Amino acid sequence: MLSLRARVALGVGLLVVAALVAFASRFYQVTLEWTQQNALELAKDKTIRLGRWVPTDRPEFEEAARSAFEDAVQGFHGAVLPASGVFDRRQASRYFPEGDFSVPSTCLTNAEPWREPHASIREAANGERYAAAWYPIGHGPRLSQPPAGWTVAAVPLADLQRRTTALRGNMIVRILSIAVSITVLAYLLVGLWTRSLTVAAESAEQLSQGELGMRDLAVPRGEGELRRLVLAFNALLERLRQLHAVQQRFVADAAHELRTPLTILRGEIQVALRKERDLGRYQAVLHSNLEEVVRLSRLTDNLLALARADAGEGLHQSSRLCLRAACQSVCEKLGPIAEHAGIRLSTEGAEQAEIHGDPVAIERIVVNLVENALRHSERGDAVRVQITDSAQVAAIEVVDEGTGIPPEHLPRIFDRFYRVESARTRDSGGAGLGLAMVKALTELHGGRVAVRSDFGAGATFLAEFPKGPRSRAT
């Protein structure tokens, strides 16, 4: 496969060859027609001069003229034909070619004295071509009289053919030389034009995995199209660096979250196995282990759900559903937990707010928002799930009266594994994935999430959904 540089140069060369061939063909055709026309005009002039030299009362090729034409210095051949127009070699020069040079029938029927000669291209018996012209020899001013004879002049085209053949060969050689020169020049120019691209490609090849976050491609000066390409590639590198950093942080956080319950499980089991203990002690260890297994199971489920959301597979079905009914169902399930914690949990707002969505995903969104609010509320506080409805969107707002979120943490509150240490501690059961999952599933519905909080006065989490058919966020 040829390189881009070679293909561009070859393409330019082929275009030049095509243009030159078209021009040369037309030029050759015009030149050939022009030279043939000149030969015909020359034959006309010669036959007129010959006709004026021949006496009208005795139209014959005299010995003096025959001797002159036999000297072969006239550049043409001449003959005198009878009134019938039939060619007779006895009335022609010695060098007149063998062939049919009789007067055309159209001239015999329309001939008039001193009229314009008739001319055409004739081929001799030996294959050579001649420009021939015929001229009538008249009998005075009476134009109705038939001509007394005819003069014919034949101009050989051999020299013309040699010149046109040489011209054609010369044009072919020049076309090939010009095409080769332009192809080489185009190859060199393309090399100069793509030098910056070559430098950028070499820089890209030199980027190792360790240098991904440290180096960018050199941006060329000028060359707007190439500069734009390199800038776009550098922007892609920046996005890859960000994704790489997020991936590394995600893996590190996931490993940390998984290691903690596993370490607790291993430690408690090792302590329990060091010596025999009573039934109550074993039951306490098993209850503690069960809590850690539940924590691991929830963390694994959340990680799997986030991975599916990243792959665009977080939604399994889409149907028309009522947000108020979905929120009431979640509040009924979490009601005993809220009641045990002494927190008032309620649902209020629009009764008929409907969206297109996945019921399982919507329920997971509401569960995570309500659990987050309950986790950060104190006994005696209230958690309200409010549904708002408008012409274009429907939204779920979960309002709590807890400790709130410090302002510096608000921009990262929906990041994975991110926890506000003052409120979202391990003792409260959070792993930092619930709000990240809320954001991912809401964006898969084409919606958005937001948070408002005054530190010390609670927080309000918003999940907003379009009322039309679901569209995935890009």
Protein backbone atom coordinates (compact mmCIF):
# COMPACT_ATOMS: atom_id res chain seq x y z
CA MET A 1 0.00 0.00 0.00
CA LEU A 2 1.45 3.34 -1.06
CA SER A 3 1.89 6.07 1.50
CA LEU A 4 -0.34 9.14 1.51
CA ARG A 5 2.57 11.20 0.23
CA ALA A 6 3.14 8.86 -2.71
CA ARG A 7 -0.59 8.64 -3.50
CA VAL A 8 -0.97 12.43 -3.57
CA ALA A 9 2.11 12.85 -5.78
CA LEU A 10 0.96 10.06 -8.11
CA GLY A 11 -2.52 11.55 -8.28
CA VAL A 12 -1.14 14.97 -9.19
CA GLY A 13 1.06 13.37 -11.84
CA LEU A 14 -1.88 11.48 -13.36
CA LEU A 15 -4.01 14.63 -13.43
CA VAL A 16 -1.21 16.52 -15.18
CA VAL A 17 -0.78 13.68 -17.70
CA ALA A 18 -4.52 13.63 -18.41
CA ALA A 19 -4.61 17.41 -18.90
CA LEU A 20 -1.53 17.41 -21.12
CA VAL A 21 -2.77 14.47 -23.20
CA ALA A 22 -6.10 16.20 -23.77
CA PHE A 23 -4.38 19.45 -24.72
CA ALA A 24 -1.78 17.70 -26.92
CA SER A 25 -4.44 15.64 -28.71
CA ARG A 26 -6.44 18.72 -29.53
CA PHE A 27 -3.32 20.63 -30.53
CA TYR A 28 -2.15 17.77 -32.75
CA GLN A 29 -5.57 17.51 -34.41
CA VAL A 30 -5.76 21.26 -35.05
CA THR A 31 -2.19 21.31 -36.37
CA LEU A 32 -2.87 18.38 -38.70
CA GLU A 33 -6.04 19.99 -40.03
CA TRP A 34 -4.25 23.31 -40.48
CA THR A 35 -1.30 21.81 -42.35
CA GLN A 36 -3.59 19.76 -44.59
CA GLN A 37 -5.63 22.85 -45.34
CA ASN A 38 -2.43 24.72 -46.21
CA ALA A 39 -1.41 21.86 -48.52
CA LEU A 40 -4.83 22.01 -50.22
CA GLU A 41 -4.53 25.77 -50.63
CA LEU A 42 -1.06 25.29 -52.09
CA ALA A 43 -2.42 22.70 -54.55
CA LYS A 44 -5.17 25.14 -55.58
CA ASP A 45 -2.65 27.89 -56.19
CA LYS A 46 -0.44 25.58 -58.25
CA THR A 47 -3.27 24.28 -60.42
CA ILE A 48 -4.50 27.85 -61.10
CA ARG A 49 -1.01 28.92 -62.12
CA LEU A 50 -0.68 25.84 -64.29
CA GLY A 51 -4.10 26.47 -65.86
CA ARG A 52 -3.18 30.03 -66.73
CA TRP A 53 0.05 28.84 -68.35
CA VAL A 54 -1.65 26.22 -70.56
CA PRO A 55 -3.16 27.69 -73.79
CA THR A 56 -6.92 27.35 -73.82
CA ASP A 57 -7.01 26.40 -77.49
CA ARG A 58 -4.40 23.64 -77.06
CA PRO A 59 -4.64 22.19 -73.52
CA GLU A 60 -1.68 19.81 -73.35
CA PHE A 61 1.41 19.26 -71.26
CA GLU A 62 4.24 20.57 -73.48
CA GLU A 63 7.74 19.24 -73.54
CA ALA A 64 9.18 22.36 -71.96
CA ALA A 65 6.86 22.03 -68.97
CA ARG A 66 7.54 18.30 -68.78
CA SER A 67 11.29 18.96 -68.59
CA ALA A 68 10.80 21.58 -65.91
CA PHE A 69 8.67 19.25 -63.78
CA GLU A 70 11.12 16.40 -64.29
CA ASP A 71 13.76 18.48 -62.56
CA ALA A 72 11.74 17.73 -59.34
CA VAL A 73 12.32 21.19 -57.91
CA GLN A 74 8.76 22.49 -58.06
CA GLY A 75 7.57 20.81 -54.85
CA PHE A 76 4.46 19.46 -56.62
CA HIS A 77 3.38 17.41 -59.63
CA GLY A 78 1.26 18.71 -62.48
CA ALA A 79 -0.79 17.34 -65.33
CA VAL A 80 -3.21 18.49 -68.03
CA LEU A 81 -6.39 16.43 -68.46
CA PRO A 82 -8.77 16.40 -71.41
CA ALA A 83 -12.29 17.81 -71.21
CA SER A 84 -13.53 14.41 -70.04
CA GLY A 85 -11.42 14.80 -66.89
CA VAL A 86 -9.91 11.32 -67.21
CA PHE A 87 -6.30 11.16 -66.05
CA ASP A 88 -3.77 10.41 -68.79
CA ARG A 89 -0.13 9.91 -67.78
CA ARG A 90 1.02 11.08 -71.23
CA GLN A 91 -0.19 14.55 -70.26
CA ALA A 92 1.52 14.49 -66.85
CA SER A 93 4.97 15.00 -65.49
CA ARG A 94 7.26 12.04 -65.31
CA TYR A 95 7.14 12.03 -61.50
CA PHE A 96 3.35 12.23 -61.20
CA PRO A 97 2.33 9.37 -58.85
CA GLU A 98 0.37 6.35 -59.96
CA GLY A 99 -3.25 6.53 -58.85
CA ASP A 100 -6.69 7.86 -59.59
CA PHE A 101 -6.32 11.61 -60.07
CA SER A 102 -9.24 12.03 -62.47
CA VAL A 103 -11.51 15.04 -62.04
CA PRO A 104 -14.29 14.42 -59.47
CA SER A 105 -17.73 13.95 -61.01
CA THR A 106 -19.09 16.97 -59.13
CA CYS A 107 -16.57 19.18 -60.93
CA LEU A 108 -17.50 17.79 -64.34
CA THR A 109 -21.16 18.70 -63.90
CA ASN A 110 -20.65 22.08 -62.23
CA ALA A 111 -17.42 23.30 -63.83
CA GLU A 112 -17.19 26.92 -64.95
CA PRO A 113 -14.15 28.76 -66.32
CA TRP A 114 -12.06 30.65 -63.76
CA ARG A 115 -14.11 29.38 -60.83
CA GLU A 116 -12.57 28.34 -57.49
CA PRO A 117 -10.59 25.09 -57.90
CA HIS A 118 -11.81 21.92 -56.27
CA ALA A 119 -9.35 20.23 -53.87
CA SER A 120 -9.28 17.02 -51.84
CA ILE A 121 -6.88 14.46 -50.35
CA ARG A 122 -6.05 11.54 -52.67
CA GLU A 123 -4.04 8.38 -52.02
CA ALA A 124 -1.64 7.10 -54.66
CA ALA A 125 -1.09 3.48 -55.59
CA ASN A 126 2.00 3.28 -53.35
CA GLY A 127 -0.01 4.39 -50.31
CA GLU A 128 1.32 7.93 -50.16
CA ARG A 129 -1.18 10.73 -49.71
CA TYR A 130 -1.39 13.91 -51.82
CA ALA A 131 -3.32 17.18 -51.69
CA ALA A 132 -4.82 17.37 -55.20
CA ALA A 133 -6.61 20.30 -56.87
CA TRP A 134 -8.34 20.57 -60.27
CA TYR A 135 -8.96 23.72 -62.33
CA PRO A 136 -10.98 24.03 -65.58
CA ILE A 137 -9.42 25.48 -68.72
CA GLY A 138 -12.10 27.71 -70.26
CA HIS A 139 -12.97 29.13 -73.71
CA GLY A 140 -13.41 32.80 -73.06
CA PRO A 141 -16.15 34.65 -71.25
CA ARG A 142 -19.01 32.36 -72.22
CA LEU A 143 -19.51 30.52 -68.99
CA SER A 144 -22.03 28.10 -70.43
CA GLN A 145 -19.39 26.41 -72.57
CA PRO A 146 -17.85 23.26 -71.10
CA PRO A 147 -14.15 23.50 -70.24
CA ALA A 148 -11.64 22.57 -72.91
CA GLY A 149 -9.53 20.68 -70.37
CA TRP A 150 -8.36 20.51 -66.79
CA THR A 151 -5.20 21.12 -64.91
CA VAL A 152 -4.41 19.07 -61.82
CA ALA A 153 -1.69 19.70 -59.24
CA ALA A 154 -0.69 17.15 -56.60
CA VAL A 155 1.27 18.29 -53.54
CA PRO A 156 2.88 15.37 -51.65
CA LEU A 157 2.03 15.07 -47.96
CA ALA A 158 4.97 12.82 -47.07
CA ASP A 159 6.96 15.69 -45.61
CA LEU A 160 3.87 16.82 -43.71
CA GLN A 161 3.39 13.29 -42.36
CA ARG A 162 7.02 13.15 -41.25
CA ARG A 163 6.70 16.46 -39.47
CA THR A 164 3.43 15.56 -37.75
CA THR A 165 4.87 12.18 -36.70
CA ALA A 166 7.92 13.94 -35.27
CA LEU A 167 5.62 16.44 -33.55
CA ARG A 168 3.59 13.62 -32.01
CA GLY A 169 6.71 11.82 -30.74
CA ASN A 170 8.10 15.08 -29.40
CA MET A 171 4.85 15.80 -27.54
CA ILE A 172 4.81 12.30 -26.02
CA VAL A 173 8.38 12.69 -24.77
CA ARG A 174 7.66 16.15 -23.38
CA ILE A 175 4.44 15.00 -21.70
CA LEU A 176 6.25 12.14 -19.98
CA SER A 177 9.13 14.35 -18.88
CA ILE A 178 6.77 17.04 -17.56
CA ALA A 179 4.65 14.42 -15.76
CA VAL A 180 7.71 12.87 -14.11
CA SER A 181 9.04 16.28 -13.11
CA ILE A 182 5.72 17.41 -11.65
CA THR A 183 5.25 14.07 -9.82
CA VAL A 184 8.69 14.37 -8.23
CA LEU A 185 8.04 18.03 -7.37
CA ALA A 186 4.64 17.14 -5.88
CA TYR A 187 6.27 14.36 -3.83
CA LEU A 188 8.83 16.81 -2.44
CA LEU A 189 6.22 19.50 -1.76
CA VAL A 190 3.89 17.05 -0.01
CA GLY A 191 6.86 15.99 2.10
CA LEU A 192 7.39 19.62 3.12
CA TRP A 193 3.68 20.14 3.78
CA THR A 194 3.40 16.98 5.90
CA ARG A 195 6.63 17.50 7.84
CA SER A 196 4.67 18.79 10.83
CA LEU A 197 2.32 15.82 10.57
CA THR A 198 5.32 13.50 10.54
CA VAL A 199 6.72 15.22 13.63
CA ALA A 200 3.33 14.86 15.34
CA ALA A 201 3.19 11.17 14.41
CA GLU A 202 6.70 10.59 15.76
CA SER A 203 5.74 12.39 18.98
CA ALA A 204 2.66 10.20 19.28
CA GLU A 205 4.74 7.06 18.74
CA GLN A 206 7.14 8.15 21.47
CA LEU A 207 4.34 8.59 24.02
CA SER A 208 4.63 5.67 26.40
CA GLN A 209 2.07 4.78 29.01
CA GLY A 210 4.12 6.49 31.67
CA GLU A 211 4.33 9.70 29.64
CA LEU A 212 0.59 9.84 28.91
CA GLY A 213 -0.06 12.33 31.66
CA MET A 214 3.12 14.33 31.17
CA ARG A 215 3.51 15.17 27.48
CA ASP A 216 1.45 16.62 24.64
CA LEU A 217 2.10 16.63 20.93
CA ALA A 218 4.02 19.62 19.61
CA VAL A 219 1.57 22.12 18.11
CA PRO A 220 2.82 23.42 14.74
CA ARG A 221 2.77 27.12 13.98
CA GLY A 222 0.61 28.14 11.06
CA GLU A 223 -0.87 25.29 8.98
CA GLY A 224 -4.38 25.82 10.33
CA GLU A 225 -5.79 22.39 9.42
CA LEU A 226 -2.85 20.47 10.92
CA ARG A 227 -2.80 22.73 13.99
CA ARG A 228 -6.49 22.00 14.53
CA LEU A 229 -5.84 18.26 14.21
CA VAL A 230 -2.99 18.33 16.74
CA LEU A 231 -5.02 20.44 19.18
CA ALA A 232 -7.92 17.99 18.89
CA PHE A 233 -5.53 15.11 19.54
CA ASN A 234 -4.10 16.90 22.58
CA ALA A 235 -7.64 17.46 23.85
CA LEU A 236 -8.25 13.72 23.40
CA LEU A 237 -5.07 13.00 25.36
CA GLU A 238 -6.31 15.27 28.15
CA ARG A 239 -9.64 13.42 28.28
CA LEU A 240 -7.78 10.11 28.33
CA ARG A 241 -5.63 11.36 31.20
CA GLN A 242 -8.72 12.39 33.13
CA LEU A 243 -10.39 9.03 32.47
CA HIS A 244 -7.19 7.23 33.45
CA ALA A 245 -7.02 9.20 36.69
CA VAL A 246 -10.70 8.46 37.43
CA GLN A 247 -10.14 4.80 36.70
CA GLN A 248 -7.11 4.62 38.95
CA ARG A 249 -8.97 6.43 41.74
CA PHE A 250 -12.00 4.20 41.24
CA VAL A 251 -9.93 1.01 41.43
CA ALA A 252 -8.03 2.27 44.48
CA ASP A 253 -11.23 3.28 46.28
CA ALA A 254 -12.97 0.03 45.37
CA ALA A 255 -9.99 -1.97 46.64
CA HIS A 256 -10.02 0.05 49.86
CA GLU A 257 -13.75 -0.43 50.39
CA LEU A 258 -13.47 -4.16 49.72
CA ARG A 259 -10.39 -4.60 51.87
CA THR A 260 -11.93 -3.12 55.02
CA PRO A 261 -14.83 -5.59 55.45
CA LEU A 262 -12.61 -8.47 54.38
CA THR A 263 -10.03 -7.47 56.99
CA ILE A 264 -12.78 -7.32 59.66
CA LEU A 265 -14.11 -10.71 58.61
CA ARG A 266 -10.65 -12.29 58.70
CA GLY A 267 -9.77 -10.74 62.05
CA GLU A 268 -13.00 -11.76 63.79
CA ILE A 269 -12.80 -15.30 62.41
CA GLN A 270 -9.15 -15.65 63.45
CA VAL A 271 -9.97 -14.43 66.97
CA ALA A 272 -12.92 -16.79 67.20
CA LEU A 273 -10.79 -19.76 66.16
CA ARG A 274 -7.93 -19.20 68.62
CA LYS A 275 -9.79 -20.99 71.41
CA GLU A 276 -13.14 -22.45 72.19
CA ARG A 277 -15.85 -19.94 73.11
CA ASP A 278 -19.42 -20.13 74.28
CA LEU A 279 -22.40 -20.15 71.93
CA GLY A 280 -23.21 -16.49 72.53
CA ARG A 281 -19.71 -15.38 71.50
CA TYR A 282 -19.90 -17.42 68.29
CA GLN A 283 -23.32 -15.96 67.51
CA ALA A 284 -21.98 -12.42 68.03
CA VAL A 285 -19.11 -13.13 65.64
CA LEU A 286 -21.52 -14.56 63.07
CA HIS A 287 -23.84 -11.53 63.40
CA SER A 288 -20.88 -9.20 62.86
CA ASN A 289 -19.70 -11.26 59.91
CA LEU A 290 -23.22 -11.15 58.45
CA GLU A 291 -23.20 -7.35 58.61
CA GLU A 292 -19.89 -7.24 56.76
CA VAL A 293 -21.14 -9.75 54.15
CA VAL A 294 -24.25 -7.60 53.61
CA ARG A 295 -21.99 -4.57 53.27
CA LEU A 296 -19.84 -6.42 50.72
CA SER A 297 -22.91 -7.58 48.82
CA ARG A 298 -24.33 -4.05 48.66
CA LEU A 299 -20.96 -2.65 47.55
CA THR A 300 -20.64 -5.33 44.84
CA ASP A 301 -24.18 -4.65 43.61
CA ASN A 302 -23.47 -0.92 43.45
CA LEU A 303 -20.21 -1.44 41.58
CA LEU A 304 -21.94 -3.72 39.08
CA ALA A 305 -24.78 -1.23 38.63
CA LEU A 306 -22.32 1.61 37.99
CA ALA A 307 -20.36 -0.50 35.51
CA ARG A 308 -23.56 -1.27 33.60
CA ALA A 309 -24.53 2.40 33.68
CA ASP A 310 -21.13 3.35 32.25
CA ALA A 311 -21.69 0.84 29.44
CA GLY A 312 -25.16 2.28 28.74
CA GLU A 313 -26.88 -0.88 30.03
CA GLY A 314 -28.30 0.51 33.27
CA LEU A 315 -31.85 0.65 31.87
CA HIS A 316 -33.63 -2.56 30.95
CA GLN A 317 -37.07 -1.29 29.95
CA SER A 318 -38.92 1.96 29.48
CA SER A 319 -42.55 2.55 30.26
CA ARG A 320 -44.90 5.26 31.40
CA LEU A 321 -44.79 5.51 35.20
CA CYS A 322 -46.06 7.82 37.93
CA LEU A 323 -43.33 9.39 40.08
CA ARG A 324 -45.66 9.87 43.07
CA ALA A 325 -46.57 6.16 43.12
CA ALA A 326 -42.89 5.13 42.80
CA CYS A 327 -41.84 7.43 45.67
CA GLN A 328 -44.69 6.28 47.92
CA SER A 329 -43.71 2.65 47.31
CA VAL A 330 -40.12 3.35 48.36
CA CYS A 331 -41.22 5.32 51.45
CA GLU A 332 -43.44 2.42 52.52
CA LYS A 333 -40.50 0.01 52.27
CA LEU A 334 -38.14 2.33 54.18
CA GLY A 335 -40.81 3.47 56.64
CA PRO A 336 -39.88 0.95 59.36
CA ILE A 337 -36.23 2.05 59.21
CA ALA A 338 -37.21 5.70 59.52
CA GLU A 339 -39.62 4.92 62.34
CA HIS A 340 -36.95 2.96 64.22
CA ALA A 341 -34.57 5.95 63.87
CA GLY A 342 -37.26 8.38 65.03
CA ILE A 343 -37.37 10.24 61.70
CA ARG A 344 -40.59 11.35 60.01
CA LEU A 345 -40.70 10.23 56.36
CA SER A 346 -43.38 11.61 54.03
CA THR A 347 -44.26 11.97 50.35
CA GLU A 348 -45.96 15.07 48.94
CA GLY A 349 -46.38 17.04 45.74
CA ALA A 350 -47.89 16.42 42.30
CA GLU A 351 -50.18 13.42 42.06
CA GLN A 352 -50.06 12.85 38.28
CA ALA A 353 -46.41 13.54 37.37
CA GLU A 354 -45.53 10.91 34.75
CA ILE A 355 -42.32 10.18 32.82
CA HIS A 356 -40.92 7.53 30.47
CA GLY A 357 -38.44 5.49 32.47
CA ASP A 358 -37.23 2.18 33.84
CA PRO A 359 -39.23 1.41 37.03
CA VAL A 360 -36.34 -0.53 38.60
CA ALA A 361 -33.86 2.30 37.95
CA ILE A 362 -36.28 4.98 39.24
CA GLU A 363 -36.82 2.96 42.40
CA ARG A 364 -33.06 2.62 42.89
CA ILE A 365 -32.68 6.40 42.50
CA VAL A 366 -35.35 7.12 45.11
CA VAL A 367 -34.02 4.47 47.52
CA ASN A 368 -30.49 5.92 47.41
CA LEU A 369 -31.69 9.50 47.90
CA VAL A 370 -33.97 8.57 50.82
CA GLU A 371 -31.35 6.32 52.46
CA ASN A 372 -28.80 9.11 52.14
CA ALA A 373 -31.22 11.55 53.81
CA LEU A 374 -32.06 9.12 56.63
CA ARG A 375 -28.38 8.39 57.20
CA HIS A 376 -27.60 12.05 57.80
CA SER A 377 -30.65 12.93 59.89
CA GLU A 378 -31.05 12.92 63.64
CA ARG A 379 -33.91 11.59 65.75
CA GLY A 380 -36.87 13.97 65.54
CA ASP A 381 -35.91 15.29 62.08
CA ALA A 382 -38.16 15.02 59.04
CA VAL A 383 -37.36 13.78 55.52
CA ARG A 384 -39.73 14.91 52.76
CA VAL A 385 -39.95 13.45 49.28
CA GLN A 386 -41.48 16.12 47.06
CA ILE A 387 -42.63 15.61 43.46
CA THR A 388 -42.84 18.64 41.18
CA ASP A 389 -44.38 18.73 37.72
CA SER A 390 -44.17 21.15 34.77
CA ALA A 391 -44.83 21.07 31.05
CA GLN A 392 -41.36 19.78 30.12
CA VAL A 393 -39.91 18.04 33.19
CA ALA A 394 -40.87 16.22 36.36
CA ALA A 395 -38.57 16.13 39.38
CA ILE A 396 -37.99 14.36 42.70
CA GLU A 397 -36.69 16.46 45.59
CA VAL A 398 -35.54 14.77 48.81
CA VAL A 399 -35.28 17.32 51.64
CA ASP A 400 -33.70 16.52 55.01
CA GLU A 401 -33.03 18.49 58.18
CA GLY A 402 -29.67 16.93 58.92
CA THR A 403 -26.22 18.36 59.36
CA GLY A 404 -25.96 19.60 55.80
CA ILE A 405 -22.89 19.64 53.53
CA PRO A 406 -19.95 22.06 53.76
CA PRO A 407 -19.72 24.29 50.63
CA GLU A 408 -16.29 22.99 49.63
CA HIS A 409 -17.70 19.47 49.24
CA LEU A 410 -20.72 20.31 47.08
CA PRO A 411 -18.92 20.19 43.67
CA ARG A 412 -17.77 16.58 44.31
CA ILE A 413 -20.73 15.22 46.20
CA PHE A 414 -21.78 12.99 43.26
CA ASP A 415 -18.27 11.58 42.65
CA ARG A 416 -17.73 7.88 43.21
CA PHE A 417 -16.39 6.87 46.64
CA TYR A 418 -16.40 10.51 47.69
CA ARG A 419 -17.56 11.00 51.28
CA VAL A 420 -17.84 14.07 53.44
CA GLU A 421 -15.87 12.90 56.46
CA SER A 422 -17.88 14.95 58.96
CA ALA A 423 -21.15 13.37 57.95
CA ARG A 424 -20.66 10.43 55.61
CA THR A 425 -18.55 8.10 57.76
CA ARG A 426 -18.19 4.38 57.66
CA ASP A 427 -20.20 4.03 60.82
CA SER A 428 -23.26 5.36 58.97
CA GLY A 429 -22.92 2.62 56.38
CA GLY A 430 -22.06 4.70 53.29
CA ALA A 431 -19.43 3.71 50.76
CA GLY A 432 -19.71 6.79 48.57
CA LEU A 433 -21.50 5.06 45.67
CA GLY A 434 -25.16 5.86 46.28
CA LEU A 435 -25.17 9.43 44.98
CA ALA A 436 -22.86 8.47 42.09
CA MET A 437 -25.38 5.83 41.08
CA VAL A 438 -28.20 8.40 41.33
CA LYS A 439 -26.35 10.66 38.92
CA ALA A 440 -25.53 7.86 36.45
CA LEU A 441 -29.08 6.48 36.30
CA THR A 442 -30.65 9.94 36.09
CA GLU A 443 -28.41 10.91 33.17
CA LEU A 444 -29.27 7.66 31.42
CA HIS A 445 -32.89 8.91 31.50
CA GLY A 446 -31.74 12.16 29.90
CA GLY A 447 -32.13 14.08 33.19
CA ARG A 448 -29.84 15.88 35.59
CA VAL A 449 -29.04 15.97 39.33
CA ALA A 450 -28.32 18.87 41.66
CA VAL A 451 -27.85 19.58 45.36
CA ARG A 452 -28.53 22.59 47.57
CA SER A 453 -27.34 22.80 51.16
CA ASP A 454 -26.74 25.25 53.98
CA PHE A 455 -24.21 23.73 56.33
CA GLY A 456 -25.98 22.88 59.56
CA ALA A 457 -29.46 23.30 58.08
CA GLY A 458 -29.99 20.15 55.98
CA ALA A 459 -29.74 19.46 52.26
CA THR A 460 -32.01 19.13 49.23
CA PHE A 461 -31.18 16.65 46.48
CA LEU A 462 -32.88 17.04 43.08
CA ALA A 463 -33.33 14.43 40.32
CA GLU A 464 -35.01 15.94 37.25
CA PHE A 465 -36.40 13.92 34.32
CA PRO A 466 -37.73 14.96 30.89
CA LYS A 467 -41.38 14.08 30.30
CA GLY A 468 -40.81 12.92 26.73
CA PRO A 469 -39.36 9.55 25.65
CA ARG A 470 -36.10 8.63 27.32
CA SER A 471 -32.86 9.87 25.72
CA ARG A 472 -29.42 8.92 26.97
CA ALA A 473 -27.08 11.64 28.02
CA THR A 474 -23.89 11.80 26.08
